């Protein structure tokens, strides 16, 4: 891996890996995606449910875990993230599935995954895989370098008219900026990274970056995406605020039993997570 790519991930928080997956690997990922949509887990949701903008999201489906734990070691991500981070070890955390269809799926609101998951440290990475050729206007967007800055409160993803409606509330985390409103007022307000991608390309980002998915439209009506999440040696347990107005658990909603055993600042480790390197 080129030093420039390592520096870009460290400094910018995201890089594009062209041609990361071959046709067979991509087909395996698509099979896993299709199975996940047909067999939703307990955390599946419809963002903006009941509106024409609703889209399907599923996160860390326990029904899919044995299948994905078997698939992920056959993909190139263990060595890729070890090289990208300079980490001796790499573990697989879980997946997330996104389906926007019919040209109506709205923008996935700007957020940081670290507002929803108790993660600290630099060695975290999401591998973002879309199965269509995605135009840049419909692509994932990332605020360059934002993983090195403020950890904001999350959005509830409940109100399209209030994109920063706080997940936790209170004073523990600052409220999200309204990035889209600020961009409309000043197109240069944020330094945004995004790439058009072809099948087999992978966008890799630190989950602490501010990021959001652009909407689909009449010219690009459907986007099928699976995200695999990984962590390395410099990954620590960073609890969420103790009180949450939305009833969100301090240790997140995923792998609650494993998270309960970790102390703040401890290395993020549990036997449930498949070690790749």
Protein backbone atom coordinates (compact mmCIF):
# COMPACT_ATOMS: atom_id res chain seq x y z
CA UNK A 1 0.00 0.00 0.00
CA UNK A 2 1.26 3.48 -0.87
CA UNK A 3 2.37 5.80 1.92
CA UNK A 4 0.18 8.52 0.40
CA UNK A 5 -2.90 6.40 0.96
CA UNK A 6 -1.97 5.73 4.58
CA UNK A 7 -1.43 9.45 5.18
CA UNK A 8 -4.71 10.30 3.47
CA UNK A 9 -6.66 7.94 5.70
CA UNK A 10 -4.90 9.20 8.84
CA UNK A 11 -5.38 12.87 7.97
CA UNK A 12 -8.57 12.91 5.88
CA UNK A 13 -10.41 9.98 7.44
CA UNK A 14 -11.39 8.40 4.12
CA UNK A 15 -9.85 6.95 0.96
CA UNK A 16 -11.12 5.26 -2.19
CA UNK A 17 -9.66 1.81 -2.96
CA UNK A 18 -10.18 1.20 -6.69
CA UNK A 19 -10.84 -2.39 -7.76
CA UNK A 20 -10.55 -3.72 -4.21
CA UNK A 21 -12.94 -6.64 -4.81
CA UNK A 22 -12.88 -9.01 -7.77
CA UNK A 23 -16.04 -10.27 -9.45
CA UNK A 24 -16.30 -13.40 -7.31
CA UNK A 25 -15.82 -11.48 -4.05
CA UNK A 26 -18.36 -8.88 -5.12
CA UNK A 27 -20.86 -11.62 -5.96
CA UNK A 28 -20.38 -13.14 -2.49
CA UNK A 29 -21.01 -9.73 -0.90
CA UNK A 30 -24.13 -9.22 -3.02
CA UNK A 31 -25.45 -12.63 -1.97
CA UNK A 32 -24.92 -11.63 1.68
CA UNK A 33 -26.67 -8.32 1.05
CA UNK A 34 -29.69 -9.95 -0.59
CA UNK A 35 -29.99 -12.49 2.23
CA UNK A 36 -29.84 -9.70 4.82
CA UNK A 37 -32.64 -7.74 3.15
CA UNK A 38 -34.80 -10.87 2.97
CA UNK A 39 -34.00 -11.82 6.59
CA UNK A 40 -33.97 -8.57 8.60
CA UNK A 41 -32.66 -8.57 12.15
CA UNK A 42 -33.94 -6.94 15.34
CA UNK A 43 -32.24 -3.62 14.55
CA UNK A 44 -33.67 -3.23 11.04
CA UNK A 45 -35.49 0.05 10.48
CA UNK A 46 -37.10 2.22 7.86
CA UNK A 47 -35.54 5.66 7.90
CA UNK A 48 -38.39 8.18 7.50
CA UNK A 49 -40.84 5.30 7.80
CA UNK A 50 -44.23 6.01 6.28
CA UNK A 51 -42.98 8.70 3.88
CA UNK A 52 -42.08 8.30 0.23
CA UNK A 53 -38.47 8.92 1.28
CA UNK A 54 -38.21 5.82 3.49
CA UNK A 55 -35.19 3.55 3.02
CA UNK A 56 -34.17 0.23 4.56
CA UNK A 57 -31.33 0.11 7.10
CA UNK A 58 -30.17 -2.92 9.08
CA UNK A 59 -27.32 -3.07 11.55
CA UNK A 60 -25.41 -5.99 13.09
CA UNK A 61 -28.04 -8.61 12.33
CA UNK A 62 -27.37 -11.56 14.68
CA UNK A 63 -29.09 -13.87 12.18
CA UNK A 64 -26.43 -12.95 9.61
CA UNK A 65 -23.42 -13.14 11.93
CA UNK A 66 -22.35 -16.78 11.26
CA UNK A 67 -22.64 -16.22 7.51
CA UNK A 68 -20.64 -12.98 7.59
CA UNK A 69 -18.02 -14.27 10.03
CA UNK A 70 -17.35 -17.00 7.44
CA UNK A 71 -17.37 -14.60 4.46
CA UNK A 72 -15.26 -11.70 5.69
CA UNK A 73 -11.93 -13.59 6.10
CA UNK A 74 -12.07 -14.44 2.37
CA UNK A 75 -12.16 -10.72 1.52
CA UNK A 76 -9.01 -8.53 1.42
CA UNK A 77 -9.92 -6.30 4.37
CA UNK A 78 -7.81 -7.85 7.13
CA UNK A 79 -4.48 -7.13 5.47
CA UNK A 80 -5.78 -3.89 3.93
CA UNK A 81 -6.66 -2.38 7.31
CA UNK A 82 -3.52 -3.72 8.98
CA UNK A 83 -1.48 -1.89 6.34
CA UNK A 84 -3.67 1.21 6.39
CA UNK A 85 -3.46 1.63 10.16
CA UNK A 86 -0.05 0.08 10.84
CA UNK A 87 -1.82 -2.33 13.20
CA UNK A 88 -0.53 -5.77 14.11
CA UNK A 89 -4.07 -7.13 14.51
CA UNK A 90 -7.44 -6.59 12.84
CA UNK A 91 -10.88 -7.70 14.03
CA UNK A 92 -14.22 -7.72 12.23
CA UNK A 93 -17.00 -5.94 14.14
CA UNK A 94 -20.25 -6.28 12.13
CA UNK A 95 -22.13 -5.12 9.06
CA UNK A 96 -24.66 -2.49 8.08
CA UNK A 97 -27.02 -2.72 5.11
CA UNK A 98 -28.60 0.17 3.18
CA UNK A 99 -31.26 -0.04 0.48
CA UNK A 100 -32.56 3.07 -1.26
CA UNK A 101 -35.01 2.25 -4.03
CA UNK A 102 -37.50 3.74 -6.45
CA UNK A 103 -35.71 7.07 -6.82
CA UNK A 104 -37.18 8.35 -3.54
CA UNK A 105 -34.63 7.37 -0.89
CA UNK A 106 -33.64 10.54 0.97
CA UNK A 107 -30.20 11.68 1.98
CA UNK A 108 -28.80 9.72 4.90
CA UNK A 109 -28.38 12.54 7.40
CA UNK A 110 -24.93 13.71 8.39
CA UNK A 111 -23.67 11.91 11.49
CA UNK A 112 -20.73 10.16 13.14
CA UNK A 113 -20.98 6.47 13.95
CA UNK A 114 -19.17 7.21 17.21
CA UNK A 115 -22.32 8.99 18.42
CA UNK A 116 -24.09 5.61 18.40
CA UNK A 117 -21.31 3.17 19.24
CA UNK A 118 -18.87 3.29 22.18
CA UNK A 119 -15.72 3.58 20.08
CA UNK A 120 -12.50 5.49 20.66
CA UNK A 121 -9.06 5.38 19.06
CA UNK A 122 -7.72 5.64 15.51
CA UNK A 123 -7.93 2.01 14.41
CA UNK A 124 -11.51 1.90 13.20
CA UNK A 125 -12.64 1.54 9.63
CA UNK A 126 -15.79 1.07 7.57
CA UNK A 127 -15.53 -0.63 4.18
CA UNK A 128 -18.37 0.82 2.10
CA UNK A 129 -19.40 -1.40 -0.85
CA UNK A 130 -22.06 -0.42 -3.39
CA UNK A 131 -23.15 -2.83 -6.10
CA UNK A 132 -24.08 -0.24 -8.72
CA UNK A 133 -21.88 2.26 -10.53
CA UNK A 134 -22.62 5.24 -8.27
CA UNK A 135 -22.40 8.78 -9.71
CA UNK A 136 -20.64 11.28 -7.48
CA UNK A 137 -23.85 13.24 -6.93
CA UNK A 138 -25.42 10.12 -5.34
CA UNK A 139 -22.35 8.98 -3.43
CA UNK A 140 -21.31 8.86 0.19
CA UNK A 141 -19.92 12.20 1.39
CA UNK A 142 -17.35 12.76 4.15
CA UNK A 143 -16.15 15.95 5.86
CA UNK A 144 -12.40 15.76 5.42
CA UNK A 145 -10.49 15.35 8.70
CA UNK A 146 -13.60 15.43 10.91
CA UNK A 147 -12.61 12.20 12.74
CA UNK A 148 -9.84 14.24 14.35
CA UNK A 149 -12.21 16.89 15.66
CA UNK A 150 -15.35 17.20 17.77
CA UNK A 151 -17.45 14.18 18.69
CA UNK A 152 -21.01 15.43 18.25
CA UNK A 153 -24.34 14.21 19.49
CA UNK A 154 -26.10 11.96 16.99
CA UNK A 155 -29.28 12.63 15.08
CA UNK A 156 -32.37 10.56 15.77
CA UNK A 157 -32.95 10.05 12.01
CA UNK A 158 -36.64 10.55 12.78
CA UNK A 159 -37.47 14.00 11.45
CA UNK A 160 -36.44 15.00 7.91
CA UNK A 161 -37.31 18.59 8.86
CA UNK A 162 -34.83 18.56 11.78
CA UNK A 163 -31.63 16.84 10.62
CA UNK A 164 -29.85 17.55 13.90
CA UNK A 165 -32.59 16.41 16.33
CA UNK A 166 -30.37 15.18 19.23
CA UNK A 167 -30.08 11.49 19.94
CA UNK A 168 -28.81 11.92 23.50
CA UNK A 169 -29.64 15.51 24.43
CA UNK A 170 -28.24 17.28 27.46
CA UNK A 171 -24.79 18.84 27.59
CA UNK A 172 -22.54 15.80 27.23
CA UNK A 173 -22.06 16.17 23.47
CA UNK A 174 -22.49 19.28 21.30
CA UNK A 175 -25.34 19.31 18.83
CA UNK A 176 -24.58 18.42 15.24
CA UNK A 177 -24.11 21.32 12.85
CA UNK A 178 -26.71 21.54 10.09
CA UNK A 179 -24.21 20.81 7.36
CA UNK A 180 -26.65 20.87 4.45
CA UNK A 181 -28.09 24.24 5.48
CA UNK A 182 -24.61 25.68 5.88
CA UNK A 183 -23.56 24.29 2.48
CA UNK A 184 -26.54 25.93 0.83
CA UNK A 185 -25.57 29.26 2.35
CA UNK A 186 -21.88 28.78 1.51
CA UNK A 187 -20.83 25.95 -0.86
CA UNK A 188 -17.30 26.17 0.57
CA UNK A 189 -18.37 25.90 4.21
CA UNK A 190 -17.07 22.31 4.43
CA UNK A 191 -14.27 20.42 2.71
CA UNK A 192 -16.22 17.44 1.36
CA UNK A 193 -14.77 14.18 0.04
CA UNK A 194 -16.81 11.99 -2.31
CA UNK A 195 -16.11 9.72 -5.24
CA UNK A 196 -17.98 8.18 -8.12
CA UNK A 197 -17.48 4.43 -7.79
CA UNK A 198 -17.67 1.32 -9.95
CA UNK A 199 -18.60 -2.16 -8.71
CA UNK A 200 -15.55 -3.57 -6.91
CA UNK A 201 -14.41 -0.18 -5.62
CA UNK A 202 -14.51 0.32 -1.85
CA UNK A 203 -14.71 3.59 0.08
CA UNK A 204 -12.90 3.21 3.40
CA UNK A 205 -13.63 5.71 6.15
CA UNK A 206 -13.05 6.20 9.84
CA UNK A 207 -16.47 5.98 11.57
CA UNK A 208 -15.65 9.12 13.56
CA UNK A 209 -15.87 11.22 10.40
CA UNK A 210 -18.92 13.31 9.74
CA UNK A 211 -20.50 11.51 6.80
CA UNK A 212 -23.81 11.09 5.03
CA UNK A 213 -25.17 9.38 1.95
CA UNK A 214 -26.54 11.44 -0.90
CA UNK A 215 -30.09 10.62 -2.03
CA UNK A 216 -31.13 8.56 -5.03
CA UNK A 217 -33.07 10.22 -7.85
CA UNK A 218 -34.89 9.53 -11.11
CA UNK A 219 -31.62 9.05 -13.01
CA UNK A 220 -30.09 6.83 -10.31
CA UNK A 221 -33.12 5.27 -8.60
CA UNK A 222 -31.63 2.37 -6.63
CA UNK A 223 -28.57 1.96 -4.44
CA UNK A 224 -27.70 -1.30 -2.68
CA UNK A 225 -24.87 -0.97 -0.18
CA UNK A 226 -23.27 -3.18 2.45
CA UNK A 227 -20.75 -1.84 4.96
CA UNK A 228 -18.29 -4.01 6.90
CA UNK A 229 -16.74 -2.53 10.05
CA UNK A 230 -13.30 -3.35 11.46
CA UNK A 231 -11.02 -2.35 14.34
CA UNK A 232 -7.36 -2.75 15.25
CA UNK A 233 -4.85 -2.41 18.07
CA UNK A 234 -5.60 1.27 18.76
CA UNK A 235 -9.32 0.75 19.35
CA UNK A 236 -10.72 1.58 22.77
CA UNK A 237 -14.03 1.50 24.62
CA UNK A 238 -15.48 5.02 24.81
CA UNK A 239 -18.91 4.96 26.53
CA UNK A 240 -21.74 7.12 25.29
CA UNK A 241 -23.36 9.75 27.55
CA UNK A 242 -24.92 8.30 30.69
CA UNK A 243 -28.29 9.88 30.03
CA UNK A 244 -30.05 9.76 26.71
CA UNK A 245 -33.26 11.61 25.97
CA UNK A 246 -34.02 9.03 23.27
CA UNK A 247 -33.45 6.11 25.62
CA UNK A 248 -30.22 5.12 23.90
CA UNK A 249 -28.04 2.77 25.94
CA UNK A 250 -24.70 4.07 27.22
CA UNK A 251 -22.93 1.07 25.71
CA UNK A 252 -24.91 1.29 22.47
CA UNK A 253 -27.55 -1.19 21.41
CA UNK A 254 -25.19 -3.76 19.84
CA UNK A 255 -23.29 -6.53 21.65
CA UNK A 256 -24.58 -5.22 24.98
CA UNK A 257 -23.29 -8.14 27.02
CA UNK A 258 -19.77 -7.80 25.62
CA UNK A 259 -19.73 -4.04 26.10
CA UNK A 260 -20.84 -4.33 29.74
CA UNK A 261 -17.55 -6.05 30.56
CA UNK A 262 -15.37 -3.19 29.29
CA UNK A 263 -14.11 -0.23 31.32
CA UNK A 264 -13.79 3.27 29.83
CA UNK A 265 -10.50 3.56 27.95
CA UNK A 266 -9.92 -0.20 27.88
CA UNK A 267 -8.83 -1.88 24.64
CA UNK A 268 -11.87 -2.76 22.58
CA UNK A 269 -11.77 -6.55 22.66
CA UNK A 270 -14.25 -9.42 23.02
CA UNK A 271 -14.18 -13.04 21.81
CA UNK A 272 -17.36 -12.48 19.80
CA UNK A 273 -15.43 -10.44 17.23
CA UNK A 274 -13.70 -12.49 14.52
CA UNK A 275 -9.93 -11.84 14.40
CA UNK A 276 -8.64 -11.58 10.83
CA UNK A 277 -4.95 -10.75 11.38
